[in-house]
């Protein structure tokens, strides 16, 4: 956790799944050196394509 706090390491995994991806990582906490935050992200490829199209239309 100390190395994470110092910015020397990155902990994370990424899985490509049908229809998107899942990412799990540990990020440093602003609370203290020995604390971290587990972050789970799911990206849905269908919704990403819809957002890209909407953003292009807005431009």
PDB file of N, CA and C in Angstrom:
ATOM      1  N   UNK A   1       0.830  -1.190   0.000  1.00  0.00           N
ATOM      2  CA  UNK A   1       0.000   0.000   0.000  1.00  0.00           C
ATOM      3  C   UNK A   1       0.874   1.252   0.000  1.00  0.00           C
ATOM      4  N   UNK A   2       2.040   1.175   0.648  1.00  0.00           N
ATOM      5  CA  UNK A   2       2.930   2.332   0.661  1.00  0.00           C
ATOM      6  C   UNK A   2       3.391   2.667  -0.761  1.00  0.00           C
ATOM      7  N   UNK A   3       3.741   1.635  -1.540  1.00  0.00           N
ATOM      8  CA  UNK A   3       4.174   1.864  -2.921  1.00  0.00           C
ATOM      9  C   UNK A   3       3.039   2.453  -3.758  1.00  0.00           C
ATOM     10  N   UNK A   4       1.825   1.993  -3.526  1.00  0.00           N
ATOM     11  CA  UNK A   4       0.655   2.555  -4.203  1.00  0.00           C
ATOM     12  C   UNK A   4       0.504   4.028  -3.839  1.00  0.00           C
ATOM     13  N   UNK A   5       0.615   4.336  -2.561  1.00  0.00           N
ATOM     14  CA  UNK A   5       0.504   5.713  -2.071  1.00  0.00           C
ATOM     15  C   UNK A   5       1.556   6.617  -2.714  1.00  0.00           C
ATOM     16  N   UNK A   6       2.762   6.065  -2.936  1.00  0.00           N
ATOM     17  CA  UNK A   6       3.847   6.839  -3.533  1.00  0.00           C
ATOM     18  C   UNK A   6       3.728   6.947  -5.063  1.00  0.00           C
ATOM     19  N   UNK A   7       2.788   6.218  -5.645  1.00  0.00           N
ATOM     20  CA  UNK A   7       2.609   6.265  -7.089  1.00  0.00           C
ATOM     21  C   UNK A   7       3.590   5.406  -7.851  1.00  0.00           C
ATOM     22  N   UNK A   8       4.207   4.437  -7.184  1.00  0.00           N
ATOM     23  CA  UNK A   8       5.213   3.592  -7.816  1.00  0.00           C
ATOM     24  C   UNK A   8       4.633   2.322  -8.442  1.00  0.00           C
ATOM     25  N   UNK A   9       3.426   1.940  -8.043  1.00  0.00           N
ATOM     26  CA  UNK A   9       2.799   0.741  -8.597  1.00  0.00           C
ATOM     27  C   UNK A   9       1.357   1.026  -8.969  1.00  0.00           C
ATOM     28  N   UNK A  10       0.830   0.202  -9.858  1.00  0.00           N
ATOM     29  CA  UNK A  10      -0.574   0.274 -10.254  1.00  0.00           C
ATOM     30  C   UNK A  10      -1.121  -1.146 -10.158  1.00  0.00           C
ATOM     31  N   UNK A  11      -2.224  -1.301  -9.445  1.00  0.00           N
ATOM     32  CA  UNK A  11      -2.871  -2.603  -9.329  1.00  0.00           C
ATOM     33  C   UNK A  11      -4.166  -2.562 -10.121  1.00  0.00           C
ATOM     34  N   UNK A  12      -4.289  -3.464 -11.076  1.00  0.00           N
ATOM     35  CA  UNK A  12      -5.522  -3.482 -11.842  1.00  0.00           C
ATOM     36  C   UNK A  12      -5.589  -4.666 -12.775  1.00  0.00           C
ATOM     37  N   UNK A  13      -6.799  -5.028 -13.130  1.00  0.00           N
ATOM     38  CA  UNK A  13      -7.051  -6.090 -14.102  1.00  0.00           C
ATOM     39  C   UNK A  13      -8.193  -5.654 -15.005  1.00  0.00           C
ATOM     40  N   UNK A  14      -8.127  -6.108 -16.253  1.00  0.00           N
ATOM     41  CA  UNK A  14      -9.150  -5.770 -17.242  1.00  0.00           C
ATOM     42  C   UNK A  14      -9.571  -7.050 -17.944  1.00  0.00           C
ATOM     43  N   UNK A  15     -10.884  -7.268 -18.015  1.00  0.00           N
ATOM     44  CA  UNK A  15     -11.440  -8.418 -18.701  1.00  0.00           C
ATOM     45  C   UNK A  15     -12.344  -7.933 -19.824  1.00  0.00           C
ATOM     46  N   UNK A  16     -12.135  -8.475 -21.009  1.00  0.00           N
ATOM     47  CA  UNK A  16     -13.040  -8.226 -22.126  1.00  0.00           C
ATOM     48  C   UNK A  16     -14.130  -9.280 -22.049  1.00  0.00           C
ATOM     49  N   UNK A  17     -15.378  -8.847 -21.971  1.00  0.00           N
ATOM     50  CA  UNK A  17     -16.510  -9.758 -21.912  1.00  0.00           C
ATOM     51  C   UNK A  17     -17.440  -9.437 -23.067  1.00  0.00           C
ATOM     52  N   UNK A  18     -18.350 -10.347 -23.352  1.00  0.00           N
ATOM     53  CA  UNK A  18     -19.289 -10.125 -24.443  1.00  0.00           C
ATOM     54  C   UNK A  18     -20.092  -8.854 -24.178  1.00  0.00           C
ATOM     55  N   UNK A  19     -19.985  -7.889 -25.060  1.00  0.00           N
ATOM     56  CA  UNK A  19     -20.742  -6.655 -24.930  1.00  0.00           C
ATOM     57  C   UNK A  19     -20.047  -5.550 -24.160  1.00  0.00           C
ATOM     58  N   UNK A  20     -18.778  -5.743 -23.767  1.00  0.00           N
ATOM     59  CA  UNK A  20     -18.100  -4.676 -23.036  1.00  0.00           C
ATOM     60  C   UNK A  20     -16.842  -5.144 -22.340  1.00  0.00           C
ATOM     61  N   UNK A  21     -16.503  -4.485 -21.242  1.00  0.00           N
ATOM     62  CA  UNK A  21     -15.323  -4.860 -20.471  1.00  0.00           C
ATOM     63  C   UNK A  21     -15.553  -4.549 -18.995  1.00  0.00           C
ATOM     64  N   UNK A  22     -14.788  -5.244 -18.153  1.00  0.00           N
ATOM     65  CA  UNK A  22     -14.840  -5.044 -16.707  1.00  0.00           C
ATOM     66  C   UNK A  22     -13.427  -4.734 -16.244  1.00  0.00           C
ATOM     67  N   UNK A  23     -13.279  -3.682 -15.453  1.00  0.00           N
ATOM     68  CA  UNK A  23     -11.978  -3.295 -14.918  1.00  0.00           C
ATOM     69  C   UNK A  23     -12.068  -3.207 -13.400  1.00  0.00           C
ATOM     70  N   UNK A  24     -11.109  -3.827 -12.735  1.00  0.00           N
ATOM     71  CA  UNK A  24     -11.022  -3.752 -11.277  1.00  0.00           C
ATOM     72  C   UNK A  24      -9.637  -3.211 -10.939  1.00  0.00           C
ATOM     73  N   UNK A  25      -9.593  -2.193 -10.068  1.00  0.00           N
ATOM     74  CA  UNK A  25      -8.308  -1.608  -9.686  1.00  0.00           C
ATOM     75  C   UNK A  25      -8.332  -1.185  -8.225  1.00  0.00           C
ATOM     76  N   UNK A  26      -7.140  -0.985  -7.694  1.00  0.00           N
ATOM     77  CA  UNK A  26      -6.985  -0.430  -6.351  1.00  0.00           C
ATOM     78  C   UNK A  26      -6.314   0.921  -6.513  1.00  0.00           C
ATOM     79  N   UNK A  27      -6.926   1.953  -5.984  1.00  0.00           N
ATOM     80  CA  UNK A  27      -6.384   3.308  -6.073  1.00  0.00           C
ATOM     81  C   UNK A  27      -6.111   3.834  -4.675  1.00  0.00           C
ATOM     82  N   UNK A  28      -5.184   4.765  -4.590  1.00  0.00           N
ATOM     83  CA  UNK A  28      -4.856   5.293  -3.272  1.00  0.00           C
ATOM     84  C   UNK A  28      -5.997   6.140  -2.718  1.00  0.00           C
ATOM     85  N   UNK A  29      -6.118   6.098  -1.424  1.00  0.00           N
ATOM     86  CA  UNK A  29      -7.148   6.860  -0.729  1.00  0.00           C
ATOM     87  C   UNK A  29      -6.559   8.165  -0.232  1.00  0.00           C
ATOM     88  N   UNK A  30      -7.375   9.168  -0.125  1.00  0.00           N
ATOM     89  CA  UNK A  30      -6.907  10.441   0.424  1.00  0.00           C
ATOM     90  C   UNK A  30      -6.883  10.402   1.951  1.00  0.00           C
ATOM     91  N   UNK A  31      -7.362   9.293   2.525  1.00  0.00           N
ATOM     92  CA  UNK A  31      -7.465   9.181   3.983  1.00  0.00           C
ATOM     93  C   UNK A  31      -6.135   8.864   4.645  1.00  0.00           C
ATOM     94  N   UNK A  32      -5.321   8.006   4.053  1.00  0.00           N
ATOM     95  CA  UNK A  32      -4.072   7.649   4.700  1.00  0.00           C
ATOM     96  C   UNK A  32      -3.245   6.694   3.867  1.00  0.00           C
ATOM     97  N   UNK A  33      -2.000   6.507   4.294  1.00  0.00           N
ATOM     98  CA  UNK A  33      -1.049   5.688   3.553  1.00  0.00           C
ATOM     99  C   UNK A  33      -1.504   4.242   3.460  1.00  0.00           C
ATOM    100  N   UNK A  34      -2.077   3.701   4.508  1.00  0.00           N
ATOM    101  CA  UNK A  34      -2.445   2.286   4.540  1.00  0.00           C
ATOM    102  C   UNK A  34      -3.870   2.019   4.081  1.00  0.00           C
ATOM    103  N   UNK A  35      -4.477   2.948   3.367  1.00  0.00           N
ATOM    104  CA  UNK A  35      -5.843   2.771   2.913  1.00  0.00           C
ATOM    105  C   UNK A  35      -5.915   2.883   1.398  1.00  0.00           C
ATOM    106  N   UNK A  36      -6.788   2.082   0.814  1.00  0.00           N
ATOM    107  CA  UNK A  36      -6.987   2.111  -0.628  1.00  0.00           C
ATOM    108  C   UNK A  36      -8.457   2.028  -0.961  1.00  0.00           C
ATOM    109  N   UNK A  37      -8.768   2.255  -2.212  1.00  0.00           N
ATOM    110  CA  UNK A  37     -10.137   2.211  -2.697  1.00  0.00           C
ATOM    111  C   UNK A  37     -10.191   1.189  -3.830  1.00  0.00           C
ATOM    112  N   UNK A  38     -11.129   0.259  -3.746  1.00  0.00           N
ATOM    113  CA  UNK A  38     -11.341  -0.699  -4.824  1.00  0.00           C
ATOM    114  C   UNK A  38     -12.340  -0.078  -5.800  1.00  0.00           C
ATOM    115  N   UNK A  39     -11.953  -0.016  -7.071  1.00  0.00           N
ATOM    116  CA  UNK A  39     -12.793   0.583  -8.108  1.00  0.00           C
ATOM    117  C   UNK A  39     -13.173  -0.504  -9.112  1.00  0.00           C
ATOM    118  N   UNK A  40     -14.458  -0.627  -9.379  1.00  0.00           N
ATOM    119  CA  UNK A  40     -14.955  -1.576 -10.366  1.00  0.00           C
ATOM    120  C   UNK A  40     -15.674  -0.781 -11.453  1.00  0.00           C
ATOM    121  N   UNK A  41     -15.242  -0.962 -12.702  1.00  0.00           N
ATOM    122  CA  UNK A  41     -15.848  -0.247 -13.831  1.00  0.00           C
ATOM    123  C   UNK A  41     -16.355  -1.258 -14.843  1.00  0.00           C
ATOM    124  N   UNK A  42     -17.540  -1.020 -15.341  1.00  0.00           N
ATOM    125  CA  UNK A  42     -18.099  -1.836 -16.419  1.00  0.00           C
ATOM    126  C   UNK A  42     -18.393  -0.924 -17.590  1.00  0.00           C
ATOM    127  N   UNK A  43     -17.859  -1.277 -18.732  1.00  0.00           N
ATOM    128  CA  UNK A  43     -18.106  -0.490 -19.943  1.00  0.00           C
ATOM    129  C   UNK A  43     -18.959  -1.325 -20.883  1.00  0.00           C
ATOM    130  N   UNK A  44     -20.098  -0.810 -21.210  1.00  0.00           N
ATOM    131  CA  UNK A  44     -21.042  -1.468 -22.099  1.00  0.00           C
ATOM    132  C   UNK A  44     -20.798  -0.933 -23.504  1.00  0.00           C
ATOM    133  N   UNK A  45     -20.322  -1.762 -24.415  1.00  0.00           N
ATOM    134  CA  UNK A  45     -19.942  -1.283 -25.749  1.00  0.00           C
ATOM    135  C   UNK A  45     -21.116  -0.685 -26.511  1.00  0.00           C
ATOM    136  N   UNK A  46     -22.319  -1.187 -26.305  1.00  0.00           N
ATOM    137  CA  UNK A  46     -23.486  -0.636 -27.014  1.00  0.00           C
ATOM    138  C   UNK A  46     -23.739   0.798 -26.562  1.00  0.00           C
ATOM    139  N   UNK A  47     -23.689   1.064 -25.270  1.00  0.00           N
ATOM    140  CA  UNK A  47     -23.911   2.417 -24.774  1.00  0.00           C
ATOM    141  C   UNK A  47     -22.773   3.356 -25.145  1.00  0.00           C
ATOM    142  N   UNK A  48     -21.564   2.841 -25.240  1.00  0.00           N
ATOM    143  CA  UNK A  48     -20.435   3.674 -25.655  1.00  0.00           C
ATOM    144  C   UNK A  48     -20.638   4.143 -27.087  1.00  0.00           C
ATOM    145  N   UNK A  49     -21.054   3.236 -27.979  1.00  0.00           N
ATOM    146  CA  UNK A  49     -21.306   3.613 -29.373  1.00  0.00           C
ATOM    147  C   UNK A  49     -22.413   4.662 -29.463  1.00  0.00           C
ATOM    148  N   UNK A  50     -23.476   4.504 -28.679  1.00  0.00           N
ATOM    149  CA  UNK A  50     -24.577   5.472 -28.670  1.00  0.00           C
ATOM    150  C   UNK A  50     -24.077   6.833 -28.210  1.00  0.00           C
ATOM    151  N   UNK A  51     -23.240   6.862 -27.173  1.00  0.00           N
ATOM    152  CA  UNK A  51     -22.708   8.132 -26.662  1.00  0.00           C
ATOM    153  C   UNK A  51     -21.808   8.800 -27.700  1.00  0.00           C
ATOM    154  N   UNK A  52     -20.974   8.021 -28.367  1.00  0.00           N
ATOM    155  CA  UNK A  52     -20.095   8.584 -29.394  1.00  0.00           C
ATOM    156  C   UNK A  52     -20.928   9.224 -30.506  1.00  0.00           C
ATOM    157  N   UNK A  53     -21.977   8.530 -30.951  1.00  0.00           N
ATOM    158  CA  UNK A  53     -22.845   9.085 -31.995  1.00  0.00           C
ATOM    159  C   UNK A  53     -23.516  10.373 -31.540  1.00  0.00           C
ATOM    160  N   UNK A  54     -23.989  10.404 -30.291  1.00  0.00           N
ATOM    161  CA  UNK A  54     -24.628  11.601 -29.760  1.00  0.00           C
ATOM    162  C   UNK A  54     -23.649  12.757 -29.673  1.00  0.00           C
ATOM    163  N   UNK A  55     -22.427  12.458 -29.215  1.00  0.00           N
ATOM    164  CA  UNK A  55     -21.403  13.509 -29.120  1.00  0.00           C
ATOM    165  C   UNK A  55     -21.068  14.062 -30.506  1.00  0.00           C
ATOM    166  N   UNK A  56     -20.977  13.185 -31.511  1.00  0.00           N
ATOM    167  CA  UNK A  56     -20.694  13.645 -32.869  1.00  0.00           C
ATOM    168  C   UNK A  56     -21.828  14.510 -33.403  1.00  0.00           C
ATOM    169  N   UNK A  57     -23.059  14.157 -33.079  1.00  0.00           N
ATOM    170  CA  UNK A  57     -24.202  14.971 -33.514  1.00  0.00           C
ATOM    171  C   UNK A  57     -24.193  16.348 -32.838  1.00  0.00           C
ATOM    172  N   UNK A  58     -23.735  16.382 -31.568  1.00  0.00           N
ATOM    173  CA  UNK A  58     -23.672  17.655 -30.841  1.00  0.00           C
ATOM    174  C   UNK A  58     -22.626  18.594 -31.421  1.00  0.00           C
ATOM    175  N   UNK A  59     -21.596  18.027 -32.018  1.00  0.00           N
ATOM    176  CA  UNK A  59     -20.521  18.841 -32.605  1.00  0.00           C
ATOM    177  C   UNK A  59     -21.053  19.448 -33.877  1.00  0.00           C
TER     178      UNK A  59
END
